Amino acid sequence: MLQIYHKRNLFSRKEPGKKVVSFDWRFIFDGMEYLKFEKGYVLKKWRKRIPMALVFPNKYALGMSNLGFLFLYQRLNLYEEIVCERFFYEEEKPLLSLETKRPLKDFPIILFCLPFEGDYLHILKALNVSGIPLEPTQRAQTVLAGGIAISANPTPLFPFLDGFFLGEWEGMEDWVVPLFIELSENKEKLLTSLENFPFFLSPSSPKKEILLSKVKEGFDPVSSQIISEKAQFKRTYLVEVFRGCGRGCRFCLVGFLLRPPRAPAKEALIDTLKSFPEEAKVGLIGLEFAEENILPEIWSILWGKRATLTFSSLRVERITEDFINLLHGTRSIALAPETASARLKRIINKPIESEQIIRILELLAKTTLKKVKFYFMYGLPTEKEEDLRETVTFIKELLKKKYPFEFSFSFSPFVPKPHTPFQWEVLESYEVWQDRENFLKKELRGVRGIKFEPLRAARLQAFLARGDEETGLILGQHLFSSLTKLLKELEGSRKDFPPSLTEKLPWDFIKGGVKKEFLLAERKKAFSEKITKPCQVGKCKACSACGFLSVESD
């Protein structure tokens, strides 16, 4: 029995061309364990509305810290005709919505949000345990997916899903939502209508060239209005201050798939920052790449609000004296040098000098900061033992300086990603990964805060990132097998990798603007240990992404 303890109309918004939409925002304590830790969620009556399920196929804490997921939830609920409720996959039992505890199969449209390839497996499990057939022709529901992982390579999910949205939601919404409203009960007609758009892919139709949906610079900034005590970023308002990245780290999917890097409208961003409550905890997404001319205003507004800042990770170039002044309430910060080897830094095109990091730590030591986390990779192309030793030496020298921080050092194996210069690279064997992990553990014995990404989870991500339809079928056949058995089957099916440089790749039909010739040129520069300068948007035609954006947005 649900007990409603508090009901009031807290939110009303009118957008250009849309009528005023009002919501009841409620704090419900019985039977909804997560909702009692939230503020800003939406609860609507179902009567005469289109139910849509928005599913993050992983834990609640991760999903509620994902700005894309939160943004989509907010956007869909702006429409009076739609009731959008959230689902998370946390255990192998039927999924129920957070808002009303309704089962997943009650929703005619199910939309999965996928930032991580490893969650492809969770999609299939979520459908299966919820009593929804994995075979598209055997279910009434329309099951769709989007997100950065989907935009990179959805082919492993072709046997199971009805369709995919590739690219950025802002470029799709005005086209897609009216079809959701009109055709939610007519699956066949809905899919046929969606297929007319260049950003939508239906596996049941012949494979066509897909153009990623992208928006021009000057878009409205994406921000979250819902906060949670149980999110990974607790009680944090998230806001995107920059989209994409032009630094060109050769292993990075976002740095190539979301090119060119773009900024939101300055005035709209300022208004968004001003709308946050006093003393709010604010997570700045994309701060690493924000343009210099906007930073002073960001600092001024947040300083005036006595805001506490948080970040997923931060480029050392962004840490200045002005920035340091804003860390009065921040307790932890993360830096991602990836490696301490100067040679490997040139290969991956991330030339952050160790001396630079030391200088930043000297600045951070003047703040109230308590924790500093470092992210490193191993198994990078051409890596040798001496490269790993340089990272070990850097960590040991760092600890000798007796900074007033609790350090942690996270290590992950390198995973080749589609649409990057390293998409053709060899995936090292499990045994090689294990040897390198053991080497690092031995050399860093006694160092506190050392963490390693589970190898089997990273292995699954690697197979799915460059997977094809056969990969997906194996996934479906071993849905509830042990991860060890699943990986063995996947390992055996990928004897053709790495592909040749001239071979057609499973994801080549996805066009995001960056030419394949540019990726090959960057790969060649990597093995020549040559650095590529950051993007000069609009001034350079090397990768062709700027031209793609102008065509797609017109």
Protein backbone atom coordinates (compact mmCIF):
# COMPACT_ATOMS: atom_id res chain seq x y z
CA MET A 1 0.00 0.00 0.00
CA LEU A 2 1.52 3.29 -1.07
CA GLN A 3 1.36 6.13 1.34
CA ILE A 4 1.79 9.60 -0.07
CA TYR A 5 3.27 11.84 2.58
CA HIS A 6 3.83 14.98 0.61
CA LYS A 7 2.27 16.36 -2.53
CA ARG A 8 2.79 19.71 -4.13
CA ASN A 9 3.26 21.19 -7.56
CA LEU A 10 6.93 22.15 -7.66
CA PHE A 11 7.64 22.29 -11.34
CA SER A 12 6.06 24.05 -14.27
CA ARG A 13 7.79 24.74 -17.53
CA LYS A 14 6.80 26.33 -20.79
CA GLU A 15 9.01 25.85 -23.78
CA PRO A 16 8.75 27.55 -27.17
CA GLY A 17 5.94 25.94 -29.12
CA LYS A 18 4.83 23.78 -26.20
CA LYS A 19 2.07 24.27 -23.67
CA VAL A 20 2.72 24.61 -19.96
CA VAL A 21 3.41 21.24 -18.34
CA SER A 22 2.89 20.74 -14.62
CA PHE A 23 3.89 17.80 -12.49
CA ASP A 24 3.13 16.48 -9.03
CA TRP A 25 6.49 15.84 -7.33
CA ARG A 26 6.01 13.54 -4.35
CA PHE A 27 8.05 11.99 -1.62
CA ILE A 28 6.85 8.42 -1.20
CA PHE A 29 8.29 6.23 1.54
CA ASP A 30 6.40 2.93 1.56
CA GLY A 31 7.70 0.29 -0.85
CA MET A 32 9.96 2.64 -2.85
CA GLU A 33 13.30 2.48 -1.14
CA TYR A 34 15.18 4.78 -3.51
CA LEU A 35 12.55 7.49 -3.91
CA LYS A 36 12.80 8.54 -0.30
CA PHE A 37 16.39 9.56 -0.99
CA GLU A 38 15.48 11.67 -4.05
CA LYS A 39 14.31 15.18 -4.79
CA GLY A 40 12.95 16.27 -8.13
CA TYR A 41 11.55 13.05 -9.55
CA VAL A 42 8.34 13.07 -11.57
CA LEU A 43 5.18 11.16 -10.69
CA LYS A 44 2.30 11.28 -13.15
CA LYS A 45 -1.06 9.56 -13.39
CA TRP A 46 -1.26 6.99 -16.18
CA ARG A 47 -4.75 7.80 -17.36
CA LYS A 48 -4.77 8.91 -21.02
CA ARG A 49 -0.97 8.98 -21.17
CA ILE A 50 1.63 6.97 -23.11
CA PRO A 51 3.72 4.87 -20.68
CA MET A 52 7.42 4.80 -21.54
CA ALA A 53 10.05 2.81 -19.66
CA LEU A 54 13.51 4.36 -19.43
CA VAL A 55 15.98 1.66 -18.41
CA PHE A 56 19.54 2.01 -17.21
CA PRO A 57 20.79 -1.60 -17.34
CA ASN A 58 23.06 -1.34 -14.33
CA LYS A 59 22.95 -0.25 -10.72
CA TYR A 60 20.89 2.69 -9.50
CA ALA A 61 23.96 4.52 -8.16
CA LEU A 62 25.54 4.56 -11.63
CA GLY A 63 22.39 5.43 -13.52
CA MET A 64 21.53 8.32 -11.24
CA SER A 65 24.98 9.80 -11.87
CA ASN A 66 24.63 9.57 -15.66
CA LEU A 67 23.63 12.94 -17.06
CA GLY A 68 22.34 11.52 -20.34
CA PHE A 69 19.95 9.18 -18.53
CA LEU A 70 18.70 11.94 -16.21
CA PHE A 71 18.31 14.37 -19.11
CA LEU A 72 16.21 11.94 -21.13
CA TYR A 73 13.97 11.25 -18.13
CA GLN A 74 13.39 14.98 -17.69
CA ARG A 75 12.81 15.65 -21.39
CA LEU A 76 10.28 12.86 -21.94
CA ASN A 77 8.30 13.85 -18.87
CA LEU A 78 7.98 17.41 -20.18
CA TYR A 79 5.33 16.07 -22.56
CA GLU A 80 1.87 16.02 -21.01
CA GLU A 81 0.97 13.00 -23.16
CA ILE A 82 3.84 10.83 -21.83
CA VAL A 83 4.47 9.22 -18.46
CA CYS A 84 8.11 8.11 -18.31
CA GLU A 85 9.27 5.93 -15.43
CA ARG A 86 12.75 4.66 -14.53
CA PHE A 87 14.11 1.15 -14.24
CA PHE A 88 17.51 -0.18 -13.14
CA TYR A 89 19.02 -3.66 -13.40
CA GLU A 90 20.49 -4.61 -10.03
CA GLU A 91 19.62 -8.28 -9.64
CA GLU A 92 18.14 -11.13 -11.63
CA LYS A 93 14.46 -10.60 -10.87
CA PRO A 94 11.61 -8.88 -12.77
CA LEU A 95 12.21 -5.15 -13.15
CA LEU A 96 9.75 -2.76 -11.51
CA SER A 97 9.59 0.97 -12.08
CA LEU A 98 10.82 3.28 -9.37
CA GLU A 99 7.86 5.61 -9.58
CA THR A 100 4.86 3.22 -9.42
CA LYS A 101 6.34 -0.28 -9.05
CA ARG A 102 4.80 -1.38 -12.36
CA PRO A 103 6.46 -4.27 -14.24
CA LEU A 104 8.55 -3.55 -17.31
CA LYS A 105 6.23 -5.53 -19.60
CA ASP A 106 3.39 -3.06 -18.88
CA PHE A 107 5.16 -0.37 -20.92
CA PRO A 108 4.51 -0.40 -24.70
CA ILE A 109 7.77 1.51 -25.40
CA ILE A 110 10.97 0.49 -23.63
CA LEU A 111 14.06 2.65 -24.10
CA PHE A 112 17.47 1.49 -22.85
CA CYS A 113 20.22 4.01 -22.12
CA LEU A 114 23.66 2.49 -22.83
CA PRO A 115 26.89 4.27 -21.89
CA PHE A 116 28.82 0.98 -21.40
CA GLU A 117 29.23 -1.99 -23.76
CA GLY A 118 29.35 -4.44 -20.85
CA ASP A 119 25.70 -3.66 -20.13
CA TYR A 120 24.57 -5.27 -23.40
CA LEU A 121 24.40 -8.47 -21.38
CA HIS A 122 22.25 -6.76 -18.74
CA ILE A 123 19.76 -5.64 -21.41
CA LEU A 124 19.09 -9.22 -22.41
CA LYS A 125 18.86 -10.35 -18.79
CA ALA A 126 16.51 -7.50 -17.92
CA LEU A 127 14.13 -8.46 -20.71
CA ASN A 128 14.36 -12.15 -19.94
CA VAL A 129 13.68 -11.94 -16.19
CA SER A 130 10.83 -9.50 -16.87
CA GLY A 131 9.03 -12.03 -19.06
CA ILE A 132 9.66 -10.15 -22.31
CA PRO A 133 10.76 -12.34 -25.26
CA LEU A 134 14.21 -11.66 -26.70
CA GLU A 135 12.90 -12.38 -30.20
CA PRO A 136 11.49 -9.06 -31.52
CA THR A 137 8.67 -10.69 -33.52
CA GLN A 138 7.39 -12.51 -30.42
CA ARG A 139 6.78 -9.46 -28.22
CA ALA A 140 4.25 -6.65 -28.28
CA GLN A 141 6.58 -4.05 -26.76
CA THR A 142 8.81 -1.83 -28.89
CA VAL A 143 12.31 -2.16 -27.42
CA LEU A 144 14.76 0.58 -28.41
CA ALA A 145 18.20 1.74 -27.27
CA GLY A 146 20.51 4.74 -27.45
CA GLY A 147 23.64 6.08 -25.78
CA ILE A 148 27.33 6.43 -26.57
CA ALA A 149 27.93 2.65 -26.67
CA ILE A 150 25.02 2.20 -29.08
CA SER A 151 26.24 5.07 -31.26
CA ALA A 152 29.63 3.36 -31.49
CA ASN A 153 28.52 -0.16 -32.38
CA PRO A 154 25.01 -1.61 -31.83
CA THR A 155 25.51 -4.72 -34.00
CA PRO A 156 25.78 -7.27 -31.14
CA LEU A 157 22.20 -6.33 -30.18
CA PHE A 158 20.75 -6.68 -33.70
CA PRO A 159 19.15 -10.08 -32.99
CA PHE A 160 17.25 -8.77 -29.97
CA LEU A 161 16.21 -5.11 -30.19
CA ASP A 162 13.70 -3.39 -32.46
CA GLY A 163 15.73 -0.28 -33.17
CA PHE A 164 18.52 2.09 -32.21
CA PHE A 165 18.91 5.85 -31.91
CA LEU A 166 22.41 6.95 -32.87
CA GLY A 167 23.71 10.32 -31.79
CA GLU A 168 22.55 13.20 -29.62
CA TRP A 169 18.98 13.36 -28.38
CA GLU A 170 18.49 17.08 -29.01
CA GLY A 171 18.76 16.46 -32.76
CA MET A 172 16.10 13.74 -32.64
CA GLU A 173 13.50 14.76 -30.09
CA ASP A 174 11.24 16.94 -32.22
CA TRP A 175 11.02 14.20 -34.84
CA VAL A 176 10.76 11.16 -32.61
CA VAL A 177 8.48 12.12 -29.71
CA PRO A 178 5.42 12.91 -31.89
CA LEU A 179 5.70 9.39 -33.31
CA PHE A 180 5.91 7.91 -29.81
CA ILE A 181 2.71 9.74 -28.92
CA GLU A 182 0.84 8.87 -32.12
CA LEU A 183 1.99 5.28 -32.71
CA SER A 184 2.84 3.79 -29.32
CA GLU A 185 0.24 1.03 -29.78
CA ASN A 186 1.20 0.28 -33.38
CA LYS A 187 4.69 -1.21 -33.21
CA GLU A 188 5.03 -2.01 -36.91
CA LYS A 189 3.98 1.46 -38.06
CA LEU A 190 6.11 3.15 -35.39
CA LEU A 191 9.25 1.34 -36.54
CA THR A 192 8.46 1.95 -40.22
CA SER A 193 8.05 5.67 -39.53
CA LEU A 194 11.26 5.87 -37.49
CA GLU A 195 13.22 4.23 -40.30
CA ASN A 196 12.76 7.38 -42.37
CA PHE A 197 15.23 9.22 -40.16
CA PRO A 198 18.98 9.00 -40.91
CA PHE A 199 19.82 8.57 -37.20
CA PHE A 200 17.55 5.55 -36.64
CA LEU A 201 18.55 1.96 -37.34
CA SER A 202 16.19 -0.99 -37.50
CA PRO A 203 17.92 -4.41 -37.64
CA SER A 204 14.94 -5.86 -39.53
CA SER A 205 15.66 -3.59 -42.52
CA PRO A 206 18.62 -3.80 -44.87
CA LYS A 207 21.63 -2.16 -43.26
CA LYS A 208 21.79 1.47 -44.33
CA GLU A 209 24.32 4.22 -43.75
CA ILE A 210 23.54 5.90 -40.42
CA LEU A 211 24.35 9.55 -39.79
CA LEU A 212 24.86 10.33 -36.12
CA SER A 213 22.54 13.03 -34.85
CA LYS A 214 24.60 16.02 -33.65
CA VAL A 215 23.81 19.59 -32.65
CA LYS A 216 25.77 22.73 -33.42
CA GLU A 217 27.61 24.85 -30.92
CA GLY A 218 25.24 27.07 -28.95
CA PHE A 219 22.84 24.33 -27.84
CA ASP A 220 21.01 24.52 -24.52
CA PRO A 221 23.21 23.08 -21.76
CA VAL A 222 22.19 19.71 -20.42
CA SER A 223 21.64 19.67 -16.67
CA SER A 224 19.95 17.50 -14.07
CA GLN A 225 17.11 18.66 -11.84
CA ILE A 226 16.82 15.40 -9.91
CA ILE A 227 19.26 14.56 -7.12
CA SER A 228 19.70 11.47 -4.98
CA GLU A 229 21.40 10.59 -1.74
CA LYS A 230 22.18 7.14 -3.17
CA ALA A 231 23.73 8.22 -6.49
CA GLN A 232 27.44 7.78 -7.10
CA PHE A 233 27.61 11.60 -7.14
CA LYS A 234 25.51 12.11 -4.01
CA ARG A 235 23.13 15.09 -3.85
CA THR A 236 24.79 16.52 -6.96
CA TYR A 237 23.36 18.72 -9.69
CA LEU A 238 25.09 17.79 -12.93
CA VAL A 239 25.63 20.25 -15.77
CA GLU A 240 27.40 19.88 -19.12
CA VAL A 241 29.73 22.81 -19.66
CA PHE A 242 31.27 21.37 -22.84
CA ARG A 243 30.50 18.50 -25.23
CA GLY A 244 33.04 16.23 -26.83
CA CYS A 245 36.78 16.67 -26.77
CA GLY A 246 39.32 17.85 -29.30
CA ARG A 247 42.44 16.63 -27.48
CA GLY A 248 42.63 13.55 -29.68
CA CYS A 249 43.70 10.87 -27.19
CA ARG A 250 43.96 7.96 -29.59
CA PHE A 251 42.26 5.40 -27.33
CA CYS A 252 39.22 7.58 -26.55
CA LEU A 253 35.84 6.87 -28.15
CA VAL A 254 34.25 10.15 -27.09
CA GLY A 255 37.15 12.16 -28.48
CA PHE A 256 36.43 10.93 -32.01
CA LEU A 257 32.76 9.96 -32.10
CA LEU A 258 31.52 13.28 -30.67
CA ARG A 259 33.74 15.51 -32.77
CA PRO A 260 33.84 18.41 -33.22
CA PRO A 261 33.98 19.62 -29.61
CA ARG A 262 31.23 22.16 -28.93
CA ALA A 263 30.15 24.58 -26.24
CA PRO A 264 26.58 25.27 -25.09
CA ALA A 265 25.12 28.75 -25.40
CA LYS A 266 27.03 30.91 -22.92
CA GLU A 267 24.03 32.84 -21.56
CA ALA A 268 21.99 29.65 -21.18
CA LEU A 269 24.86 28.00 -19.30
CA ILE A 270 25.17 30.99 -16.98
CA ASP A 271 21.41 30.92 -16.34
CA THR A 272 21.57 27.20 -15.55
CA LEU A 273 24.39 27.69 -13.05
CA LYS A 274 22.49 30.55 -11.42
CA SER A 275 19.41 28.34 -11.06
CA PHE A 276 21.16 25.91 -8.71
CA PRO A 277 20.43 26.36 -4.99
CA GLU A 278 22.83 28.09 -2.62
CA GLU A 279 25.55 25.80 -1.28
CA ALA A 280 24.62 23.17 -3.86
CA LYS A 281 26.95 20.35 -4.83
CA VAL A 282 27.63 20.80 -8.55
CA GLY A 283 29.18 18.30 -10.94
CA LEU A 284 30.74 19.94 -14.00
CA ILE A 285 30.71 17.60 -17.02
CA GLY A 286 33.19 18.42 -19.76
CA LEU A 287 35.06 20.99 -17.68
CA GLU A 288 38.34 19.49 -18.93
CA PHE A 289 37.68 20.96 -22.35
CA ALA A 290 35.71 24.12 -21.64
CA GLU A 291 36.93 27.25 -23.37
CA GLU A 292 39.05 29.65 -21.35
CA ASN A 293 36.75 32.65 -21.82
CA ILE A 294 33.83 31.02 -19.95
CA LEU A 295 35.79 29.77 -16.94
CA PRO A 296 36.02 33.05 -14.96
CA GLU A 297 32.22 33.45 -15.06
CA ILE A 298 31.68 29.83 -14.03
CA TRP A 299 34.05 30.30 -11.10
CA SER A 300 32.41 33.60 -10.12
CA ILE A 301 28.86 32.21 -10.05
CA LEU A 302 29.76 29.03 -8.18
CA TRP A 303 31.95 30.92 -5.71
CA GLY A 304 29.09 33.34 -5.04
CA LYS A 305 26.76 30.43 -4.33
CA ARG A 306 29.34 28.77 -2.06
CA ALA A 307 28.92 25.68 -4.24
CA THR A 308 30.87 22.48 -3.71
CA LEU A 309 32.39 21.08 -6.91
CA THR A 310 32.75 17.48 -7.99
CA PHE A 311 34.18 15.88 -11.17
CA SER A 312 34.48 12.45 -12.75
CA SER A 313 38.06 13.34 -13.71
CA LEU A 314 39.94 16.52 -14.48
CA ARG A 315 42.68 17.57 -16.87
CA VAL A 316 45.62 19.09 -15.05
CA GLU A 317 45.61 22.10 -17.41
CA ARG A 318 42.30 23.20 -15.87
CA ILE A 319 43.65 23.46 -12.33
CA THR A 320 44.58 27.11 -11.78
CA GLU A 321 44.71 29.43 -8.76
CA ASP A 322 41.13 30.59 -9.49
CA PHE A 323 40.00 27.01 -9.66
CA ILE A 324 41.73 26.14 -6.39
CA ASN A 325 39.65 28.77 -4.59
CA LEU A 326 36.49 26.83 -5.49
CA LEU A 327 37.61 23.62 -3.82
CA HIS A 328 36.63 24.79 -0.33
CA GLY A 329 34.12 21.96 0.10
CA THR A 330 35.48 19.40 -2.35
CA ARG A 331 36.86 16.30 -0.70
CA SER A 332 38.15 14.28 -3.67
CA ILE A 333 39.43 14.77 -7.18
CA ALA A 334 40.50 12.38 -9.97
CA LEU A 335 43.30 12.73 -12.52
CA ALA A 336 43.85 10.43 -15.50
CA PRO A 337 47.43 10.50 -16.84
CA GLU A 338 46.94 6.88 -18.15
CA THR A 339 50.69 6.20 -18.03
CA ALA A 340 53.89 7.77 -16.71
CA SER A 341 55.88 6.57 -19.72
CA ALA A 342 56.88 9.53 -21.91
CA ARG A 343 57.04 7.23 -24.93
CA LEU A 344 53.55 5.85 -24.44
CA LYS A 345 52.19 9.35 -23.84
CA ARG A 346 53.33 10.24 -27.35
CA ILE A 347 51.77 7.10 -28.75
CA ILE A 348 48.37 7.72 -27.15
CA ASN A 349 48.62 11.50 -27.80
CA LYS A 350 48.24 12.51 -24.17
CA PRO A 351 51.47 14.38 -23.38
CA ILE A 352 50.88 15.34 -19.76
CA GLU A 353 54.28 15.66 -18.10
CA SER A 354 54.79 14.16 -14.65
CA GLU A 355 56.26 17.49 -13.49
CA GLN A 356 52.97 19.13 -14.41
CA ILE A 357 51.09 16.74 -12.14
CA ILE A 358 53.50 17.37 -9.27
CA ARG A 359 53.01 21.13 -9.66
CA ILE A 360 49.23 20.67 -9.51
CA LEU A 361 49.46 18.54 -6.39
CA GLU A 362 51.43 21.34 -4.75
CA LEU A 363 48.50 23.68 -5.47
CA LEU A 364 45.92 21.15 -4.29
CA ALA A 365 47.80 20.69 -1.02
CA LYS A 366 46.68 24.21 -0.07
CA THR A 367 43.00 23.18 -0.15
CA THR A 368 40.74 21.05 2.05
CA LEU A 369 41.05 18.20 -0.43
CA LYS A 370 41.36 14.80 1.24
CA LYS A 371 41.49 12.27 -1.61
CA VAL A 372 43.25 12.19 -4.99
CA LYS A 373 42.54 9.35 -7.37
CA PHE A 374 44.73 8.45 -10.36
CA TYR A 375 43.59 6.43 -13.39
CA PHE A 376 46.15 4.37 -15.29
CA MET A 377 45.98 1.88 -18.16
CA TYR A 378 48.16 -1.05 -19.01
CA GLY A 379 48.37 -3.13 -22.19
CA LEU A 380 48.62 -0.02 -24.38
CA PRO A 381 49.93 -0.57 -27.94
CA THR A 382 53.68 -1.31 -28.02
CA GLU A 383 53.87 -1.32 -24.21
CA LYS A 384 57.00 -2.86 -22.70
CA GLU A 385 57.99 -3.70 -19.15
CA GLU A 386 60.05 -0.52 -18.87
CA ASP A 387 56.91 1.53 -19.60
CA LEU A 388 55.15 -0.11 -16.67
CA ARG A 389 58.21 0.50 -14.52
CA GLU A 390 57.99 4.22 -15.26
CA THR A 391 54.46 4.26 -13.88
CA VAL A 392 55.58 2.32 -10.80
CA THR A 393 58.45 4.76 -10.25
CA PHE A 394 56.11 7.75 -10.62
CA ILE A 395 53.76 6.38 -7.95
CA LYS A 396 56.57 5.61 -5.53
CA GLU A 397 58.18 9.03 -6.00
CA LEU A 398 54.79 10.65 -5.51
CA LEU A 399 54.28 8.92 -2.19
CA LYS A 400 57.71 9.97 -0.95
CA LYS A 401 56.62 13.61 -1.06
CA LYS A 402 54.20 13.06 1.86
CA TYR A 403 51.30 15.05 0.44
CA PRO A 404 48.33 15.47 2.82
CA PHE A 405 46.11 13.28 0.64
CA GLU A 406 44.76 9.77 0.68
CA PHE A 407 45.88 8.51 -2.73
CA SER A 408 44.27 5.75 -4.76
CA PHE A 409 45.56 4.30 -8.04
CA SER A 410 43.17 2.50 -10.39
CA PHE A 411 44.45 0.33 -13.23
CA SER A 412 42.43 -0.87 -16.24
CA PRO A 413 43.53 -2.90 -19.26
CA PHE A 414 43.49 -1.11 -22.62
CA VAL A 415 40.38 -1.97 -24.67
CA PRO A 416 40.41 -1.07 -28.41
CA LYS A 417 37.29 0.96 -29.29
CA PRO A 418 35.51 1.50 -32.63
CA HIS A 419 35.89 4.84 -34.42
CA THR A 420 39.32 5.45 -32.86
CA PRO A 421 42.82 5.18 -34.38
CA PHE A 422 43.31 2.06 -32.23
CA GLN A 423 40.21 0.24 -33.51
CA TRP A 424 42.44 -2.13 -35.48
CA GLU A 425 44.77 -3.05 -32.62
CA VAL A 426 45.41 -6.45 -31.14
CA LEU A 427 43.47 -7.30 -28.00
CA GLU A 428 46.10 -8.81 -25.75
CA SER A 429 45.32 -12.27 -24.42
CA TYR A 430 43.86 -12.79 -20.97
CA GLU A 431 47.17 -14.31 -19.91
CA VAL A 432 49.10 -11.19 -20.97
CA TRP A 433 46.67 -9.01 -19.03
CA GLN A 434 47.09 -11.22 -16.01
CA ASP A 435 50.89 -11.11 -16.26
CA ARG A 436 50.92 -7.32 -16.40
CA GLU A 437 48.49 -7.01 -13.52
CA ASN A 438 50.66 -9.38 -11.48
CA PHE A 439 53.77 -7.36 -12.36
CA LEU A 440 52.15 -4.14 -11.13
CA LYS A 441 50.85 -5.80 -7.96
CA LYS A 442 54.32 -7.15 -7.20
CA GLU A 443 56.12 -3.87 -7.90
CA LEU A 444 53.57 -1.87 -5.91
CA ARG A 445 53.31 -4.28 -3.01
CA GLY A 446 52.71 -2.37 0.19
CA VAL A 447 51.26 0.69 -1.58
CA ARG A 448 47.81 1.49 -0.24
CA GLY A 449 44.87 2.29 -2.51
CA ILE A 450 45.85 0.13 -5.48
CA LYS A 451 42.77 -1.08 -7.42
CA PHE A 452 42.42 -3.16 -10.57
CA GLU A 453 39.41 -3.40 -12.87
CA PRO A 454 38.16 -7.02 -12.89
CA LEU A 455 39.76 -8.66 -15.91
CA ARG A 456 36.73 -10.69 -16.95
CA ALA A 457 34.47 -7.63 -16.96
CA ALA A 458 37.03 -5.72 -19.06
CA ARG A 459 37.31 -8.71 -21.39
CA LEU A 460 33.56 -8.77 -21.96
CA GLN A 461 33.60 -5.05 -22.72
CA ALA A 462 36.39 -5.61 -25.25
CA PHE A 463 34.53 -8.35 -27.14
CA LEU A 464 31.28 -6.39 -27.24
CA ALA A 465 32.90 -3.08 -28.24
CA ARG A 466 34.14 -4.62 -31.51
CA GLY A 467 31.46 -7.27 -31.74
CA ASP A 468 29.08 -8.25 -34.53
CA GLU A 469 25.78 -10.13 -34.77
CA GLU A 470 27.50 -13.45 -34.07
CA THR A 471 28.83 -11.93 -30.84
CA GLY A 472 25.26 -11.06 -29.89
CA LEU A 473 23.94 -14.54 -30.63
CA ILE A 474 26.61 -16.06 -28.39
CA LEU A 475 25.56 -13.59 -25.71
CA GLY A 476 21.95 -14.75 -26.02
CA GLN A 477 22.87 -18.44 -25.95
CA HIS A 478 24.90 -18.06 -22.75
CA LEU A 479 22.74 -15.48 -21.02
CA PHE A 480 22.95 -17.09 -17.59
CA SER A 481 26.17 -19.05 -18.05
CA SER A 482 29.18 -18.19 -15.94
CA LEU A 483 31.19 -15.24 -17.22
CA THR A 484 34.16 -17.59 -17.66
CA LYS A 485 32.17 -19.84 -20.02
CA LEU A 486 30.73 -16.89 -21.93
CA LEU A 487 34.18 -15.40 -22.43
CA LYS A 488 35.53 -18.72 -23.65
CA GLU A 489 32.82 -18.86 -26.32
CA LEU A 490 33.43 -15.25 -27.35
CA GLU A 491 37.18 -15.80 -27.45
CA GLY A 492 36.71 -18.68 -29.85
CA SER A 493 34.48 -16.68 -32.18
CA ARG A 494 36.92 -13.78 -32.69
CA LYS A 495 39.88 -15.48 -34.33
CA ASP A 496 39.64 -12.99 -37.23
CA PHE A 497 40.65 -10.07 -35.00
CA PRO A 498 42.47 -7.80 -35.28
CA PRO A 499 41.06 -6.97 -38.73
CA SER A 500 43.23 -5.86 -41.62
CA LEU A 501 43.44 -2.13 -42.28
CA THR A 502 41.45 -2.52 -45.51
CA GLU A 503 38.74 -4.80 -44.14
CA LYS A 504 35.18 -3.54 -43.70
CA LEU A 505 34.39 -3.29 -40.00
CA PRO A 506 31.03 -4.18 -38.40
CA TRP A 507 30.44 -0.52 -37.47
CA ASP A 508 31.62 1.14 -40.69
CA PHE A 509 28.03 1.96 -41.69
CA ILE A 510 27.92 4.51 -38.82
CA LYS A 511 29.05 7.94 -39.99
CA GLY A 512 29.99 10.43 -37.30
CA GLY A 513 32.02 12.83 -39.38
CA VAL A 514 35.58 11.63 -38.80
CA LYS A 515 37.06 10.10 -41.94
CA LYS A 516 38.52 6.61 -41.77
CA GLU A 517 41.58 7.96 -43.58
CA PHE A 518 42.16 10.35 -40.68
CA LEU A 519 42.02 7.50 -38.16
CA LEU A 520 44.55 5.56 -40.22
CA ALA A 521 46.80 8.61 -40.38
CA GLU A 522 46.56 9.04 -36.60
CA ARG A 523 47.41 5.38 -36.14
CA LYS A 524 50.52 5.83 -38.26
CA LYS A 525 51.51 8.90 -36.25
CA ALA A 526 51.03 6.92 -33.04
CA PHE A 527 53.59 4.32 -34.02
CA SER A 528 55.94 7.07 -35.15
CA GLU A 529 55.47 8.63 -31.68
CA LYS A 530 54.20 11.89 -33.16
CA ILE A 531 51.89 14.25 -31.32
CA THR A 532 48.77 15.75 -32.93
CA LYS A 533 47.71 19.16 -31.69
CA PRO A 534 44.19 19.63 -30.24
CA CYS A 535 41.29 20.47 -32.55
CA GLN A 536 41.06 23.96 -33.97
CA VAL A 537 37.35 23.93 -34.69
CA GLY A 538 36.44 25.57 -37.99
CA LYS A 539 40.09 26.24 -38.86
CA CYS A 540 41.09 22.73 -39.88
CA LYS A 541 39.68 20.13 -42.28
CA ALA A 542 41.91 17.21 -41.34
CA CYS A 543 39.28 14.90 -39.83
CA SER A 544 36.24 16.45 -41.67
CA ALA A 545 34.00 16.44 -38.57
CA CYS A 546 33.31 20.18 -38.72
CA GLY A 547 31.97 19.87 -42.27
CA PHE A 548 29.77 16.93 -41.27
CA LEU A 549 28.24 18.94 -38.44
CA SER A 550 27.37 21.92 -40.63
CA VAL A 551 25.65 19.66 -43.15
CA GLU A 552 23.75 17.65 -40.53
CA SER A 553 22.51 20.70 -38.66
CA ASP A 554 21.28 22.71 -41.64
